[in-house]
PDB file of N, CA and C in Angstrom:
ATOM      1  N   MET A   1      51.881 112.122 154.508  1.00  0.00           N
ATOM      2  CA  MET A   1      53.069 111.495 155.058  1.00  0.00           C
ATOM      3  C   MET A   1      52.826 109.984 155.165  1.00  0.00           C
ATOM      4  N   THR A   2      53.770 109.204 154.701  1.00  0.00           N
ATOM      5  CA  THR A   2      53.642 107.755 154.778  1.00  0.00           C
ATOM      6  C   THR A   2      54.113 107.263 156.139  1.00  0.00           C
ATOM      7  N   HIS A   3      53.741 106.028 156.449  1.00  0.00           N
ATOM      8  CA  HIS A   3      54.210 105.430 157.695  1.00  0.00           C
ATOM      9  C   HIS A   3      55.732 105.371 157.716  1.00  0.00           C
ATOM     10  N   LYS A   4      56.312 105.107 156.559  1.00  0.00           N
ATOM     11  CA  LYS A   4      57.768 105.017 156.475  1.00  0.00           C
ATOM     12  C   LYS A   4      58.404 106.332 156.926  1.00  0.00           C
ATOM     13  N   ASP A   5      57.838 107.450 156.506  1.00  0.00           N
ATOM     14  CA  ASP A   5      58.393 108.752 156.875  1.00  0.00           C
ATOM     15  C   ASP A   5      58.216 109.035 158.362  1.00  0.00           C
ATOM     16  N   ALA A   6      57.113 108.627 158.910  1.00  0.00           N
ATOM     17  CA  ALA A   6      56.824 108.892 160.318  1.00  0.00           C
ATOM     18  C   ALA A   6      57.509 107.888 161.239  1.00  0.00           C
ATOM     19  N   ASN A   7      57.719 106.647 160.779  1.00  0.00           N
ATOM     20  CA  ASN A   7      58.332 105.564 161.538  1.00  0.00           C
ATOM     21  C   ASN A   7      57.658 105.327 162.891  1.00  0.00           C
ATOM     22  N   PRO A   8      56.344 105.117 162.908  1.00  0.00           N
ATOM     23  CA  PRO A   8      55.662 104.891 164.183  1.00  0.00           C
ATOM     24  C   PRO A   8      56.022 103.538 164.794  1.00  0.00           C
ATOM     25  N   GLU A   9      55.920 103.476 166.096  1.00  0.00           N
ATOM     26  CA  GLU A   9      56.079 102.198 166.787  1.00  0.00           C
ATOM     27  C   GLU A   9      54.794 101.408 166.571  1.00  0.00           C
ATOM     28  N   ILE A  10      54.915 100.211 166.030  1.00  0.00           N
ATOM     29  CA  ILE A  10      53.745  99.393 165.723  1.00  0.00           C
ATOM     30  C   ILE A  10      53.500  98.385 166.838  1.00  0.00           C
ATOM     31  N   CYS A  11      54.549  97.712 167.263  1.00  0.00           N
ATOM     32  CA  CYS A  11      54.435  96.726 168.348  1.00  0.00           C
ATOM     33  C   CYS A  11      55.012  97.358 169.607  1.00  0.00           C
ATOM     34  N   HIS A  12      54.130  97.759 170.512  1.00  0.00           N
ATOM     35  CA  HIS A  12      54.566  98.461 171.713  1.00  0.00           C
ATOM     36  C   HIS A  12      55.260  97.525 172.703  1.00  0.00           C
ATOM     37  N   CYS A  13      54.844  96.287 172.762  1.00  0.00           N
ATOM     38  CA  CYS A  13      55.453  95.336 173.705  1.00  0.00           C
ATOM     39  C   CYS A  13      56.930  95.104 173.394  1.00  0.00           C
ATOM     40  N   MET A  14      57.246  94.987 172.106  1.00  0.00           N
ATOM     41  CA  MET A  14      58.616  94.680 171.684  1.00  0.00           C
ATOM     42  C   MET A  14      59.336  95.889 171.082  1.00  0.00           C
ATOM     43  N   LYS A  15      58.658  97.056 171.126  1.00  0.00           N
ATOM     44  CA  LYS A  15      59.234  98.308 170.631  1.00  0.00           C
ATOM     45  C   LYS A  15      59.653  98.226 169.157  1.00  0.00           C
ATOM     46  N   VAL A  16      58.814  97.609 168.333  1.00  0.00           N
ATOM     47  CA  VAL A  16      59.104  97.427 166.913  1.00  0.00           C
ATOM     48  C   VAL A  16      58.454  98.568 166.130  1.00  0.00           C
ATOM     49  N   THR A  17      59.268  99.243 165.336  1.00  0.00           N
ATOM     50  CA  THR A  17      58.776 100.357 164.529  1.00  0.00           C
ATOM     51  C   THR A  17      58.507  99.909 163.098  1.00  0.00           C
ATOM     52  N   TYR A  18      57.893 100.791 162.345  1.00  0.00           N
ATOM     53  CA  TYR A  18      57.634 100.539 160.924  1.00  0.00           C
ATOM     54  C   TYR A  18      58.954 100.257 160.207  1.00  0.00           C
ATOM     55  N   ARG A  19      59.965 101.045 160.509  1.00  0.00           N
ATOM     56  CA  ARG A  19      61.265 100.865 159.863  1.00  0.00           C
ATOM     57  C   ARG A  19      61.895  99.526 160.248  1.00  0.00           C
ATOM     58  N   ASP A  20      61.670  99.052 161.475  1.00  0.00           N
ATOM     59  CA  ASP A  20      62.162  97.732 161.881  1.00  0.00           C
ATOM     60  C   ASP A  20      61.538  96.644 161.013  1.00  0.00           C
ATOM     61  N   VAL A  21      60.242  96.778 160.753  1.00  0.00           N
ATOM     62  CA  VAL A  21      59.544  95.813 159.888  1.00  0.00           C
ATOM     63  C   VAL A  21      60.121  95.890 158.484  1.00  0.00           C
ATOM     64  N   GLU A  22      60.316  97.088 158.000  1.00  0.00           N
ATOM     65  CA  GLU A  22      60.880  97.278 156.664  1.00  0.00           C
ATOM     66  C   GLU A  22      62.285  96.668 156.573  1.00  0.00           C
ATOM     67  N   ASP A  23      63.103  96.889 157.579  1.00  0.00           N
ATOM     68  CA  ASP A  23      64.459  96.327 157.587  1.00  0.00           C
ATOM     69  C   ASP A  23      64.427  94.803 157.595  1.00  0.00           C
ATOM     70  N   ALA A  24      63.506  94.226 158.351  1.00  0.00           N
ATOM     71  CA  ALA A  24      63.383  92.766 158.406  1.00  0.00           C
ATOM     72  C   ALA A  24      62.981  92.210 157.039  1.00  0.00           C
ATOM     73  N   ILE A  25      62.082  92.895 156.366  1.00  0.00           N
ATOM     74  CA  ILE A  25      61.654  92.453 155.034  1.00  0.00           C
ATOM     75  C   ILE A  25      62.811  92.575 154.043  1.00  0.00           C
ATOM     76  N   ASN A  26      63.518  93.691 154.097  1.00  0.00           N
ATOM     77  CA  ASN A  26      64.608  93.922 153.151  1.00  0.00           C
ATOM     78  C   ASN A  26      65.781  92.976 153.362  1.00  0.00           C
ATOM     79  N   SER A  27      65.928  92.432 154.565  1.00  0.00           N
ATOM     80  CA  SER A  27      67.049  91.534 154.826  1.00  0.00           C
ATOM     81  C   SER A  27      66.701  90.069 154.571  1.00  0.00           C
ATOM     82  N   SER A  28      65.457  89.801 154.229  1.00  0.00           N
ATOM     83  CA  SER A  28      65.052  88.420 153.965  1.00  0.00           C
ATOM     84  C   SER A  28      65.021  88.158 152.469  1.00  0.00           C
ATOM     85  N   GLU A  29      64.919  86.881 152.139  1.00  0.00           N
ATOM     86  CA  GLU A  29      64.730  86.544 150.737  1.00  0.00           C
ATOM     87  C   GLU A  29      63.414  87.168 150.291  1.00  0.00           C
ATOM     88  N   LYS A  30      63.349  87.544 149.052  1.00  0.00           N
ATOM     89  CA  LYS A  30      62.129  88.177 148.551  1.00  0.00           C
ATOM     90  C   LYS A  30      60.996  87.159 148.470  1.00  0.00           C
ATOM     91  N   LEU A  31      60.028  87.356 149.324  1.00  0.00           N
ATOM     92  CA  LEU A  31      58.861  86.492 149.351  1.00  0.00           C
ATOM     93  C   LEU A  31      57.688  87.262 148.769  1.00  0.00           C
ATOM     94  N   THR A  32      56.729  86.556 148.241  1.00  0.00           N
ATOM     95  CA  THR A  32      55.583  87.220 147.631  1.00  0.00           C
ATOM     96  C   THR A  32      54.308  87.040 148.445  1.00  0.00           C
ATOM     97  N   ASP A  33      54.370  86.269 149.501  1.00  0.00           N
ATOM     98  CA  ASP A  33      53.194  85.974 150.302  1.00  0.00           C
ATOM     99  C   ASP A  33      53.284  86.713 151.635  1.00  0.00           C
ATOM    100  N   VAL A  34      52.266  87.497 151.949  1.00  0.00           N
ATOM    101  CA  VAL A  34      52.259  88.284 153.179  1.00  0.00           C
ATOM    102  C   VAL A  34      52.371  87.385 154.412  1.00  0.00           C
ATOM    103  N   THR A  35      51.701  86.248 154.401  1.00  0.00           N
ATOM    104  CA  THR A  35      51.726  85.345 155.556  1.00  0.00           C
ATOM    105  C   THR A  35      53.135  84.808 155.799  1.00  0.00           C
ATOM    106  N   GLU A  36      53.813  84.420 154.730  1.00  0.00           N
ATOM    107  CA  GLU A  36      55.189  83.932 154.875  1.00  0.00           C
ATOM    108  C   GLU A  36      56.120  85.062 155.310  1.00  0.00           C
ATOM    109  N   GLU A  37      55.914  86.229 154.765  1.00  0.00           N
ATOM    110  CA  GLU A  37      56.735  87.379 155.146  1.00  0.00           C
ATOM    111  C   GLU A  37      56.499  87.729 156.607  1.00  0.00           C
ATOM    112  N   PHE A  38      55.243  87.599 157.062  1.00  0.00           N
ATOM    113  CA  PHE A  38      54.935  87.864 158.475  1.00  0.00           C
ATOM    114  C   PHE A  38      55.770  86.962 159.377  1.00  0.00           C
ATOM    115  N   LYS A  39      55.868  85.696 159.034  1.00  0.00           N
ATOM    116  CA  LYS A  39      56.660  84.759 159.840  1.00  0.00           C
ATOM    117  C   LYS A  39      58.113  85.201 159.928  1.00  0.00           C
ATOM    118  N   GLU A  40      58.663  85.664 158.812  1.00  0.00           N
ATOM    119  CA  GLU A  40      60.046  86.144 158.780  1.00  0.00           C
ATOM    120  C   GLU A  40      60.207  87.387 159.661  1.00  0.00           C
ATOM    121  N   VAL A  41      59.288  88.329 159.525  1.00  0.00           N
ATOM    122  CA  VAL A  41      59.355  89.563 160.306  1.00  0.00           C
ATOM    123  C   VAL A  41      59.210  89.240 161.796  1.00  0.00           C
ATOM    124  N   GLN A  42      58.287  88.372 162.139  1.00  0.00           N
ATOM    125  CA  GLN A  42      58.083  88.008 163.535  1.00  0.00           C
ATOM    126  C   GLN A  42      59.333  87.351 164.120  1.00  0.00           C
ATOM    127  N   GLU A  43      59.950  86.484 163.353  1.00  0.00           N
ATOM    128  CA  GLU A  43      61.166  85.810 163.818  1.00  0.00           C
ATOM    129  C   GLU A  43      62.290  86.816 164.080  1.00  0.00           C
ATOM    130  N   LYS A  44      62.411  87.803 163.194  1.00  0.00           N
ATOM    131  CA  LYS A  44      63.502  88.768 163.301  1.00  0.00           C
ATOM    132  C   LYS A  44      63.247  89.858 164.337  1.00  0.00           C
ATOM    133  N   THR A  45      61.983  90.241 164.535  1.00  0.00           N
ATOM    134  CA  THR A  45      61.688  91.372 165.418  1.00  0.00           C
ATOM    135  C   THR A  45      60.981  90.988 166.717  1.00  0.00           C
ATOM    136  N   GLN A  46      60.422  89.794 166.766  1.00  0.00           N
ATOM    137  CA  GLN A  46      59.624  89.327 167.908  1.00  0.00           C
ATOM    138  C   GLN A  46      58.292  90.072 168.032  1.00  0.00           C
ATOM    139  N   CYS A  47      57.881  90.784 166.965  1.00  0.00           N
ATOM    140  CA  CYS A  47      56.599  91.486 166.997  1.00  0.00           C
ATOM    141  C   CYS A  47      55.459  90.482 167.176  1.00  0.00           C
ATOM    142  N   THR A  48      54.412  90.914 167.772  1.00  0.00           N
ATOM    143  CA  THR A  48      53.173  90.163 168.073  1.00  0.00           C
ATOM    144  C   THR A  48      53.360  89.056 169.099  1.00  0.00           C
ATOM    145  N   THR A  49      54.525  88.953 169.713  1.00  0.00           N
ATOM    146  CA  THR A  49      54.739  87.877 170.688  1.00  0.00           C
ATOM    147  C   THR A  49      54.435  88.311 172.109  1.00  0.00           C
ATOM    148  N   GLY A  50      54.080  89.586 172.296  1.00  0.00           N
ATOM    149  CA  GLY A  50      53.684  90.074 173.617  1.00  0.00           C
ATOM    150  C   GLY A  50      52.181  89.895 173.761  1.00  0.00           C
ATOM    151  N   CYS A  51      51.464  90.989 173.694  1.00  0.00           N
ATOM    152  CA  CYS A  51      50.002  90.924 173.855  1.00  0.00           C
ATOM    153  C   CYS A  51      49.301  90.509 172.564  1.00  0.00           C
ATOM    154  N   GLY A  52      49.962  90.689 171.414  1.00  0.00           N
ATOM    155  CA  GLY A  52      49.369  90.319 170.125  1.00  0.00           C
ATOM    156  C   GLY A  52      48.434  91.362 169.547  1.00  0.00           C
ATOM    157  N   GLY A  53      48.271  92.470 170.222  1.00  0.00           N
ATOM    158  CA  GLY A  53      47.350  93.501 169.762  1.00  0.00           C
ATOM    159  C   GLY A  53      47.774  94.197 168.485  1.00  0.00           C
ATOM    160  N   CYS A  54      49.020  94.028 168.087  1.00  0.00           N
ATOM    161  CA  CYS A  54      49.534  94.707 166.895  1.00  0.00           C
ATOM    162  C   CYS A  54      49.465  93.832 165.652  1.00  0.00           C
ATOM    163  N   TYR A  55      48.944  92.642 165.754  1.00  0.00           N
ATOM    164  CA  TYR A  55      48.951  91.675 164.653  1.00  0.00           C
ATOM    165  C   TYR A  55      48.463  92.293 163.341  1.00  0.00           C
ATOM    166  N   ASN A  56      47.289  92.891 163.352  1.00  0.00           N
ATOM    167  CA  ASN A  56      46.729  93.469 162.123  1.00  0.00           C
ATOM    168  C   ASN A  56      47.564  94.638 161.618  1.00  0.00           C
ATOM    169  N   ASP A  57      48.093  95.450 162.531  1.00  0.00           N
ATOM    170  CA  ASP A  57      48.915  96.587 162.129  1.00  0.00           C
ATOM    171  C   ASP A  57      50.218  96.120 161.485  1.00  0.00           C
ATOM    172  N   ILE A  58      50.783  95.034 161.972  1.00  0.00           N
ATOM    173  CA  ILE A  58      51.999  94.474 161.383  1.00  0.00           C
ATOM    174  C   ILE A  58      51.689  93.971 159.976  1.00  0.00           C
ATOM    175  N   LEU A  59      50.562  93.286 159.814  1.00  0.00           N
ATOM    176  CA  LEU A  59      50.182  92.798 158.483  1.00  0.00           C
ATOM    177  C   LEU A  59      49.974  93.948 157.503  1.00  0.00           C
ATOM    178  N   VAL A  60      49.361  95.016 157.957  1.00  0.00           N
ATOM    179  CA  VAL A  60      49.168  96.193 157.108  1.00  0.00           C
ATOM    180  C   VAL A  60      50.510  96.787 156.705  1.00  0.00           C
ATOM    181  N   ALA A  61      51.423  96.911 157.656  1.00  0.00           N
ATOM    182  CA  ALA A  61      52.739  97.450 157.362  1.00  0.00           C
ATOM    183  C   ALA A  61      53.471  96.576 156.334  1.00  0.00           C
ATOM    184  N   ILE A  62      53.430  95.266 156.527  1.00  0.00           N
ATOM    185  CA  ILE A  62      54.080  94.343 155.599  1.00  0.00           C
ATOM    186  C   ILE A  62      53.476  94.502 154.197  1.00  0.00           C
ATOM    187  N   SER A  63      52.163  94.574 154.120  1.00  0.00           N
ATOM    188  CA  SER A  63      51.499  94.736 152.819  1.00  0.00           C
ATOM    189  C   SER A  63      51.920  96.040 152.154  1.00  0.00           C
ATOM    190  N   GLU A  64      51.950  97.136 152.920  1.00  0.00           N
ATOM    191  CA  GLU A  64      52.360  98.422 152.375  1.00  0.00           C
ATOM    192  C   GLU A  64      53.790  98.361 151.838  1.00  0.00           C
ATOM    193  N   ILE A  65      54.677  97.765 152.618  1.00  0.00           N
ATOM    194  CA  ILE A  65      56.089  97.688 152.233  1.00  0.00           C
ATOM    195  C   ILE A  65      56.262  96.809 151.008  1.00  0.00           C
ATOM    196  N   MET A  66      55.585  95.683 150.982  1.00  0.00           N
ATOM    197  CA  MET A  66      55.711  94.774 149.844  1.00  0.00           C
ATOM    198  C   MET A  66      55.147  95.384 148.566  1.00  0.00           C
ATOM    199  N   ASN A  67      54.129  96.227 148.699  1.00  0.00           N
ATOM    200  CA  ASN A  67      53.517  96.858 147.536  1.00  0.00           C
ATOM    201  C   ASN A  67      54.200  98.156 147.127  1.00  0.00           C
ATOM    202  N   GLY A  68      55.228  98.524 147.877  1.00  0.00           N
ATOM    203  CA  GLY A  68      56.016  99.711 147.517  1.00  0.00           C
ATOM    204  C   GLY A  68      55.339 100.970 147.832  1.00  0.00           C
TER     205      GLY A  68
END
């Protein structure tokens, strides 16, 4: 089962799920750089702005989504 199918909550502080990250990526211009995409996702979802403990998990999710 992929993360997309399970839709786990990745950022607990802001209640951001895998699907929320995917939606943020799909609604932005197509970027090819994970770091730039992270900025877009963070702006749209507010992920990692609480405790920051989800930073690496958000990057992994973005990479998975961008790589299909």
